[in-house]
PDB file of N, CA and C in Angstrom:
ATOM      1  N   MET A   1     145.099  91.368  83.291  1.00  0.00           N
ATOM      2  CA  MET A   1     146.048  92.555  83.167  1.00  0.00           C
ATOM      3  C   MET A   1     147.752  91.733  83.101  1.00  0.00           C
ATOM      4  N   THR A   2     148.832  92.566  82.551  1.00  0.00           N
ATOM      5  CA  THR A   2     149.838  92.372  82.329  1.00  0.00           C
ATOM      6  C   THR A   2     150.857  92.166  83.118  1.00  0.00           C
ATOM      7  N   GLN A   3     151.796  91.850  83.361  1.00  0.00           N
ATOM      8  CA  GLN A   3     152.429  91.835  84.562  1.00  0.00           C
ATOM      9  C   GLN A   3     154.691  92.316  84.288  1.00  0.00           C
ATOM     10  N   LEU A   4     154.281  92.847  84.158  1.00  0.00           N
ATOM     11  CA  LEU A   4     155.745  92.965  83.511  1.00  0.00           C
ATOM     12  C   LEU A   4     157.224  92.471  83.860  1.00  0.00           C
ATOM     13  N   ASP A   5     157.419  91.388  83.816  1.00  0.00           N
ATOM     14  CA  ASP A   5     158.236  90.201  84.082  1.00  0.00           C
ATOM     15  C   ASP A   5     159.788  90.213  83.516  1.00  0.00           C
ATOM     16  N   THR A   6     159.610  90.828  82.347  1.00  0.00           N
ATOM     17  CA  THR A   6     161.074  90.778  81.138  1.00  0.00           C
ATOM     18  C   THR A   6     160.662  91.980  80.094  1.00  0.00           C
ATOM     19  N   PHE A   7     161.744  92.810  80.051  1.00  0.00           N
ATOM     20  CA  PHE A   7     162.549  94.160  80.119  1.00  0.00           C
ATOM     21  C   PHE A   7     163.502  93.846  78.995  1.00  0.00           C
ATOM     22  N   ASP A   8     164.143  94.951  78.538  1.00  0.00           N
ATOM     23  CA  ASP A   8     165.215  94.748  77.299  1.00  0.00           C
ATOM     24  C   ASP A   8     166.500  95.743  78.675  1.00  0.00           C
ATOM     25  N   ALA A   9     167.299  94.554  79.391  1.00  0.00           N
ATOM     26  CA  ALA A   9     168.351  94.631  80.244  1.00  0.00           C
ATOM     27  C   ALA A   9     169.320  96.475  79.299  1.00  0.00           C
ATOM     28  N   LEU A  10     169.792  96.081  77.649  1.00  0.00           N
ATOM     29  CA  LEU A  10     170.645  96.459  77.198  1.00  0.00           C
ATOM     30  C   LEU A  10     170.499  98.538  76.856  1.00  0.00           C
ATOM     31  N   SER A  11     169.012  98.128  76.722  1.00  0.00           N
ATOM     32  CA  SER A  11     168.009  99.804  76.773  1.00  0.00           C
ATOM     33  C   SER A  11     168.265 100.429  77.793  1.00  0.00           C
ATOM     34  N   PHE A  12     168.401 100.163  79.562  1.00  0.00           N
ATOM     35  CA  PHE A  12     168.721 100.813  80.027  1.00  0.00           C
ATOM     36  C   PHE A  12     169.600 101.849  79.903  1.00  0.00           C
ATOM     37  N   PRO A  13     169.998 103.296  80.596  1.00  0.00           N
ATOM     38  CA  PRO A  13     170.960 103.846  80.722  1.00  0.00           C
ATOM     39  C   PRO A  13     171.513 103.819  82.124  1.00  0.00           C
ATOM     40  N   LEU A  14     172.242 104.084  82.394  1.00  0.00           N
ATOM     41  CA  LEU A  14     172.714 103.805  83.648  1.00  0.00           C
ATOM     42  C   LEU A  14     172.990 104.602  84.634  1.00  0.00           C
ATOM     43  N   GLY A  15     171.917 106.007  84.264  1.00  0.00           N
ATOM     44  CA  GLY A  15     171.396 107.122  85.130  1.00  0.00           C
ATOM     45  C   GLY A  15     173.129 107.178  86.205  1.00  0.00           C
ATOM     46  N   THR A  16     172.049 107.807  86.982  1.00  0.00           N
ATOM     47  CA  THR A  16     173.293 108.533  88.142  1.00  0.00           C
ATOM     48  C   THR A  16     172.349 108.691  89.551  1.00  0.00           C
ATOM     49  N   GLY A  17     172.971 109.088  90.849  1.00  0.00           N
ATOM     50  CA  GLY A  17     172.943 110.169  91.584  1.00  0.00           C
ATOM     51  C   GLY A  17     171.937 109.150  92.221  1.00  0.00           C
ATOM     52  N   TYR A  18     171.566 107.274  91.666  1.00  0.00           N
ATOM     53  CA  TYR A  18     170.869 106.129  92.998  1.00  0.00           C
ATOM     54  C   TYR A  18     171.607 105.996  94.114  1.00  0.00           C
ATOM     55  N   PRO A  19     171.382 105.570  95.096  1.00  0.00           N
ATOM     56  CA  PRO A  19     172.488 105.172  96.421  1.00  0.00           C
ATOM     57  C   PRO A  19     173.807 104.638  95.924  1.00  0.00           C
ATOM     58  N   ALA A  20     174.809 105.234  96.497  1.00  0.00           N
ATOM     59  CA  ALA A  20     175.550 104.373  96.000  1.00  0.00           C
ATOM     60  C   ALA A  20     176.278 102.915  96.345  1.00  0.00           C
ATOM     61  N   GLY A  21     176.794 102.073  96.069  1.00  0.00           N
ATOM     62  CA  GLY A  21     177.164 100.610  96.180  1.00  0.00           C
ATOM     63  C   GLY A  21     176.186 100.082  97.175  1.00  0.00           C
ATOM     64  N   VAL A  22     175.212  99.594  96.510  1.00  0.00           N
ATOM     65  CA  VAL A  22     173.935  98.844  96.827  1.00  0.00           C
ATOM     66  C   VAL A  22     173.581  97.898  95.888  1.00  0.00           C
ATOM     67  N   THR A  23     172.917  96.521  96.496  1.00  0.00           N
ATOM     68  CA  THR A  23     173.323  95.587  96.367  1.00  0.00           C
ATOM     69  C   THR A  23     171.910  94.907  96.009  1.00  0.00           C
ATOM     70  N   ASP A  24     170.134  94.624  95.273  1.00  0.00           N
ATOM     71  CA  ASP A  24     169.399  94.270  95.022  1.00  0.00           C
ATOM     72  C   ASP A  24     169.082  95.384  96.191  1.00  0.00           C
ATOM     73  N   GLN A  25     169.011  96.612  95.737  1.00  0.00           N
ATOM     74  CA  GLN A  25     167.649  97.499  96.830  1.00  0.00           C
ATOM     75  C   GLN A  25     166.625  97.125  96.191  1.00  0.00           C
ATOM     76  N   GLU A  26     165.434  97.305  96.595  1.00  0.00           N
ATOM     77  CA  GLU A  26     163.768  97.325  95.912  1.00  0.00           C
ATOM     78  C   GLU A  26     163.871  99.375  96.041  1.00  0.00           C
ATOM     79  N   THR A  27     163.325  99.558  94.706  1.00  0.00           N
ATOM     80  CA  THR A  27     163.044 100.545  94.522  1.00  0.00           C
ATOM     81  C   THR A  27     161.752 100.707  93.761  1.00  0.00           C
ATOM     82  N   THR A  28     161.109 102.095  93.683  1.00  0.00           N
ATOM     83  CA  THR A  28     159.851 102.156  92.932  1.00  0.00           C
ATOM     84  C   THR A  28     159.983 102.262  91.716  1.00  0.00           C
ATOM     85  N   THR A  29     158.885 102.537  90.740  1.00  0.00           N
ATOM     86  CA  THR A  29     159.793 103.368  89.057  1.00  0.00           C
ATOM     87  C   THR A  29     157.463 104.299  88.509  1.00  0.00           C
ATOM     88  N   THR A  30     158.037 104.797  87.586  1.00  0.00           N
ATOM     89  CA  THR A  30     157.228 105.247  87.690  1.00  0.00           C
ATOM     90  C   THR A  30     157.069 105.169  85.938  1.00  0.00           C
ATOM     91  N   GLY A  31     155.856 105.593  84.636  1.00  0.00           N
ATOM     92  CA  GLY A  31     156.071 105.420  83.551  1.00  0.00           C
ATOM     93  C   GLY A  31     155.109 104.630  83.315  1.00  0.00           C
ATOM     94  N   GLY A  32     154.797 104.481  82.036  1.00  0.00           N
ATOM     95  CA  GLY A  32     153.683 102.985  81.764  1.00  0.00           C
ATOM     96  C   GLY A  32     152.502 103.313  81.720  1.00  0.00           C
ATOM     97  N   SER A  33     151.513 102.208  81.275  1.00  0.00           N
ATOM     98  CA  SER A  33     150.261 102.353  81.707  1.00  0.00           C
ATOM     99  C   SER A  33     149.741 100.957  82.489  1.00  0.00           C
ATOM    100  N   GLY A  34     150.594 101.077  83.245  1.00  0.00           N
ATOM    101  CA  GLY A  34     150.676  99.582  84.825  1.00  0.00           C
ATOM    102  C   GLY A  34     150.582 100.232  85.576  1.00  0.00           C
ATOM    103  N   THR A  35     150.999  99.408  86.739  1.00  0.00           N
ATOM    104  CA  THR A  35     150.985 100.283  88.424  1.00  0.00           C
ATOM    105  C   THR A  35     151.876  99.565  88.822  1.00  0.00           C
ATOM    106  N   GLY A  36     152.410  99.373  89.997  1.00  0.00           N
ATOM    107  CA  GLY A  36     152.437  98.217  91.416  1.00  0.00           C
ATOM    108  C   GLY A  36     153.763  97.510  90.283  1.00  0.00           C
ATOM    109  N   LEU A  37     154.856  98.020  89.621  1.00  0.00           N
ATOM    110  CA  LEU A  37     156.024  97.622  89.216  1.00  0.00           C
ATOM    111  C   LEU A  37     157.500  97.688  90.077  1.00  0.00           C
ATOM    112  N   THR A  38     157.746  97.555  91.164  1.00  0.00           N
ATOM    113  CA  THR A  38     159.046  97.781  91.515  1.00  0.00           C
ATOM    114  C   THR A  38     160.439  96.392  91.186  1.00  0.00           C
ATOM    115  N   VAL A  39     161.064  97.366  91.452  1.00  0.00           N
ATOM    116  CA  VAL A  39     162.994  96.269  90.837  1.00  0.00           C
ATOM    117  C   VAL A  39     164.070  96.567  91.547  1.00  0.00           C
ATOM    118  N   ASN A  40     164.824  95.252  91.873  1.00  0.00           N
ATOM    119  CA  ASN A  40     165.985  95.718  92.482  1.00  0.00           C
ATOM    120  C   ASN A  40     166.578  95.966  91.933  1.00  0.00           C
ATOM    121  N   ILE A  41     168.016  97.065  91.867  1.00  0.00           N
ATOM    122  CA  ILE A  41     168.931  97.442  91.724  1.00  0.00           C
ATOM    123  C   ILE A  41     170.200  97.100  92.316  1.00  0.00           C
ATOM    124  N   THR A  42     170.930  96.797  91.404  1.00  0.00           N
ATOM    125  CA  THR A  42     172.594  97.272  92.245  1.00  0.00           C
ATOM    126  C   THR A  42     173.108  98.767  91.473  1.00  0.00           C
ATOM    127  N   THR A  43     174.391  98.935  92.290  1.00  0.00           N
ATOM    128  CA  THR A  43     174.479 100.223  91.976  1.00  0.00           C
ATOM    129  C   THR A  43     175.991 100.208  92.187  1.00  0.00           C
ATOM    130  N   ASN A  44     177.224 100.730  91.581  1.00  0.00           N
ATOM    131  CA  ASN A  44     178.676 101.010  91.953  1.00  0.00           C
ATOM    132  C   ASN A  44     178.353 101.775  92.865  1.00  0.00           C
ATOM    133  N   SER A  45     179.572 102.221  93.380  1.00  0.00           N
ATOM    134  CA  SER A  45     180.239 103.103  94.047  1.00  0.00           C
ATOM    135  C   SER A  45     179.838 105.039  94.006  1.00  0.00           C
ATOM    136  N   SER A  46     179.919 104.844  92.776  1.00  0.00           N
ATOM    137  CA  SER A  46     179.237 106.607  91.895  1.00  0.00           C
ATOM    138  C   SER A  46     177.785 106.370  92.123  1.00  0.00           C
ATOM    139  N   GLY A  47     177.607 105.351  91.995  1.00  0.00           N
ATOM    140  CA  GLY A  47     175.342 105.563  92.645  1.00  0.00           C
ATOM    141  C   GLY A  47     175.250 105.658  90.851  1.00  0.00           C
ATOM    142  N   ASN A  48     175.915 105.057  90.216  1.00  0.00           N
ATOM    143  CA  ASN A  48     175.159 104.124  88.913  1.00  0.00           C
ATOM    144  C   ASN A  48     174.797 102.694  88.406  1.00  0.00           C
ATOM    145  N   ILE A  49     173.209 102.731  87.655  1.00  0.00           N
ATOM    146  CA  ILE A  49     173.115 101.390  88.257  1.00  0.00           C
ATOM    147  C   ILE A  49     173.884 100.079  87.306  1.00  0.00           C
ATOM    148  N   THR A  50     173.993  99.097  87.930  1.00  0.00           N
ATOM    149  CA  THR A  50     174.783  97.961  87.440  1.00  0.00           C
ATOM    150  C   THR A  50     173.565  97.305  86.555  1.00  0.00           C
ATOM    151  N   ALA A  51     172.332  96.428  87.496  1.00  0.00           N
ATOM    152  CA  ALA A  51     171.897  95.492  87.787  1.00  0.00           C
ATOM    153  C   ALA A  51     170.215  96.486  87.418  1.00  0.00           C
ATOM    154  N   VAL A  52     169.558  95.524  87.520  1.00  0.00           N
ATOM    155  CA  VAL A  52     168.336  95.719  87.037  1.00  0.00           C
ATOM    156  C   VAL A  52     167.798  94.042  87.708  1.00  0.00           C
ATOM    157  N   SER A  53     166.838  93.908  88.463  1.00  0.00           N
ATOM    158  CA  SER A  53     165.434  92.522  88.169  1.00  0.00           C
ATOM    159  C   SER A  53     164.466  92.999  89.114  1.00  0.00           C
ATOM    160  N   VAL A  54     163.410  92.555  88.275  1.00  0.00           N
ATOM    161  CA  VAL A  54     162.076  92.055  89.078  1.00  0.00           C
ATOM    162  C   VAL A  54     161.831  92.533  90.165  1.00  0.00           C
ATOM    163  N   ASN A  55     161.524  92.914  91.059  1.00  0.00           N
ATOM    164  CA  ASN A  55     161.126  92.959  92.047  1.00  0.00           C
ATOM    165  C   ASN A  55     159.579  92.036  92.604  1.00  0.00           C
ATOM    166  N   LYS A  56     158.151  93.120  92.085  1.00  0.00           N
ATOM    167  CA  LYS A  56     156.947  93.155  91.972  1.00  0.00           C
ATOM    168  C   LYS A  56     156.781  93.285  90.637  1.00  0.00           C
ATOM    169  N   PRO A  57     156.328  92.257  90.336  1.00  0.00           N
ATOM    170  CA  PRO A  57     155.850  92.247  88.453  1.00  0.00           C
ATOM    171  C   PRO A  57     154.453  93.867  87.936  1.00  0.00           C
ATOM    172  N   GLY A  58     154.014  93.848  89.204  1.00  0.00           N
ATOM    173  CA  GLY A  58     152.886  94.927  88.968  1.00  0.00           C
ATOM    174  C   GLY A  58     151.838  94.655  88.244  1.00  0.00           C
ATOM    175  N   GLU A  59     151.192  95.144  87.096  1.00  0.00           N
ATOM    176  CA  GLU A  59     149.863  94.451  86.208  1.00  0.00           C
ATOM    177  C   GLU A  59     149.488  95.565  85.687  1.00  0.00           C
ATOM    178  N   GLY A  60     148.424  95.016  84.359  1.00  0.00           N
ATOM    179  CA  GLY A  60     148.359  96.697  83.385  1.00  0.00           C
ATOM    180  C   GLY A  60     149.542  96.599  82.636  1.00  0.00           C
ATOM    181  N   TYR A  61     150.764  96.538  82.305  1.00  0.00           N
ATOM    182  CA  TYR A  61     151.892  97.045  81.317  1.00  0.00           C
ATOM    183  C   TYR A  61     151.298  96.687  79.877  1.00  0.00           C
ATOM    184  N   THR A  62     151.838  97.103  78.800  1.00  0.00           N
ATOM    185  CA  THR A  62     151.894  96.616  77.856  1.00  0.00           C
ATOM    186  C   THR A  62     153.267  96.781  77.112  1.00  0.00           C
ATOM    187  N   GLU A  63     153.082  96.228  75.897  1.00  0.00           N
ATOM    188  CA  GLU A  63     155.273  95.980  75.331  1.00  0.00           C
ATOM    189  C   GLU A  63     155.119  97.510  74.821  1.00  0.00           C
ATOM    190  N   SER A  64     156.431  97.993  74.865  1.00  0.00           N
ATOM    191  CA  SER A  64     156.576  99.490  73.849  1.00  0.00           C
ATOM    192  C   SER A  64     156.145 100.024  75.021  1.00  0.00           C
ATOM    193  N   ASN A  65     156.167  99.798  76.534  1.00  0.00           N
ATOM    194  CA  ASN A  65     156.262 100.968  77.853  1.00  0.00           C
ATOM    195  C   ASN A  65     157.576 101.028  78.240  1.00  0.00           C
ATOM    196  N   THR A  66     157.344 102.174  77.992  1.00  0.00           N
ATOM    197  CA  THR A  66     159.054 102.667  79.142  1.00  0.00           C
ATOM    198  C   THR A  66     158.664 103.102  80.532  1.00  0.00           C
ATOM    199  N   ILE A  67     159.591 102.277  81.651  1.00  0.00           N
ATOM    200  CA  ILE A  67     159.722 102.883  83.129  1.00  0.00           C
ATOM    201  C   ILE A  67     160.773 103.845  83.421  1.00  0.00           C
ATOM    202  N   THR A  68     160.137 104.143  84.782  1.00  0.00           N
ATOM    203  CA  THR A  68     161.485 104.908  85.135  1.00  0.00           C
ATOM    204  C   THR A  68     162.103 104.495  85.912  1.00  0.00           C
ATOM    205  N   ILE A  69     163.446 104.589  86.491  1.00  0.00           N
ATOM    206  CA  ILE A  69     163.560 103.674  87.925  1.00  0.00           C
ATOM    207  C   ILE A  69     163.870 105.380  88.861  1.00  0.00           C
ATOM    208  N   SER A  70     162.799 105.205  89.773  1.00  0.00           N
ATOM    209  CA  SER A  70     163.223 106.393  91.181  1.00  0.00           C
ATOM    210  C   SER A  70     164.847 106.130  91.411  1.00  0.00           C
ATOM    211  N   GLY A  71     164.924 107.585  92.023  1.00  0.00           N
ATOM    212  CA  GLY A  71     165.713 107.505  93.096  1.00  0.00           C
ATOM    213  C   GLY A  71     167.078 108.066  92.326  1.00  0.00           C
ATOM    214  N   GLY A  72     167.073 108.645  90.990  1.00  0.00           N
ATOM    215  CA  GLY A  72     168.218 109.397  90.728  1.00  0.00           C
ATOM    216  C   GLY A  72     168.048 110.580  90.842  1.00  0.00           C
ATOM    217  N   SER A  73     169.491 111.313  91.495  1.00  0.00           N
ATOM    218  CA  SER A  73     169.138 112.337  91.160  1.00  0.00           C
ATOM    219  C   SER A  73     169.756 112.959  90.137  1.00  0.00           C
ATOM    220  N   GLY A  74     169.990 112.284  89.168  1.00  0.00           N
ATOM    221  CA  GLY A  74     171.327 112.679  88.254  1.00  0.00           C
ATOM    222  C   GLY A  74     169.854 112.934  86.635  1.00  0.00           C
ATOM    223  N   GLY A  75     170.828 111.755  85.713  1.00  0.00           N
ATOM    224  CA  GLY A  75     170.135 111.143  84.553  1.00  0.00           C
ATOM    225  C   GLY A  75     169.428 109.914  84.975  1.00  0.00           C
ATOM    226  N   THR A  76     167.981 110.211  84.577  1.00  0.00           N
ATOM    227  CA  THR A  76     167.715 108.954  85.452  1.00  0.00           C
ATOM    228  C   THR A  76     167.170 107.642  84.631  1.00  0.00           C
ATOM    229  N   ALA A  77     167.517 106.180  85.126  1.00  0.00           N
ATOM    230  CA  ALA A  77     167.324 105.302  84.366  1.00  0.00           C
ATOM    231  C   ALA A  77     165.928 105.114  83.744  1.00  0.00           C
ATOM    232  N   THR A  78     165.785 103.976  82.636  1.00  0.00           N
ATOM    233  CA  THR A  78     164.192 103.646  81.497  1.00  0.00           C
ATOM    234  C   THR A  78     164.916 102.351  81.976  1.00  0.00           C
ATOM    235  N   ILE A  79     164.051 101.827  81.769  1.00  0.00           N
ATOM    236  CA  ILE A  79     164.183 100.192  81.136  1.00  0.00           C
ATOM    237  C   ILE A  79     162.662 100.312  80.159  1.00  0.00           C
ATOM    238  N   GLN A  80     162.826  99.374  79.221  1.00  0.00           N
ATOM    239  CA  GLN A  80     161.898  98.656  77.454  1.00  0.00           C
ATOM    240  C   GLN A  80     161.801  97.604  78.085  1.00  0.00           C
ATOM    241  N   PHE A  81     160.003  97.502  78.349  1.00  0.00           N
ATOM    242  CA  PHE A  81     159.173  96.423  78.455  1.00  0.00           C
ATOM    243  C   PHE A  81     159.225  95.541  76.939  1.00  0.00           C
ATOM    244  N   LEU A  82     159.748  94.362  76.985  1.00  0.00           N
ATOM    245  CA  LEU A  82     160.040  93.646  75.587  1.00  0.00           C
ATOM    246  C   LEU A  82     158.957  92.612  75.829  1.00  0.00           C
ATOM    247  N   LYS A  83     157.901  91.745  76.104  1.00  0.00           N
ATOM    248  CA  LYS A  83     157.273  91.586  75.558  1.00  0.00           C
ATOM    249  C   LYS A  83     156.128  90.833  76.538  1.00  0.00           C
ATOM    250  N   GLN A  84     155.028  90.098  76.483  1.00  0.00           N
ATOM    251  CA  GLN A  84     153.999  90.331  77.071  1.00  0.00           C
ATOM    252  C   GLN A  84     154.587  88.582  77.558  1.00  0.00           C
ATOM    253  N   PRO A  85     154.139  87.958  79.022  1.00  0.00           N
ATOM    254  CA  PRO A  85     154.440  86.662  79.673  1.00  0.00           C
ATOM    255  C   PRO A  85     153.930  86.211  79.132  1.00  0.00           C
TER     256      PRO A  85
END
């Protein structure tokens, strides 16, 4: 099984409506062919994501999977899986 541990940080839109002013908050994800991926998000005072890092890599993801970061109430942020480790 493949873990998602590398993604294209430049490809994710900021998203909106995430909790404002958080640093490294663990957040669930949806989408892609795998399961179990969580990410840490940092947001600005408006609730836009400014940074994303992998918290738990999950397994079963493949190249070109698009993952949605849960929790936004406006436009959601997505990340693109780049390569297998």
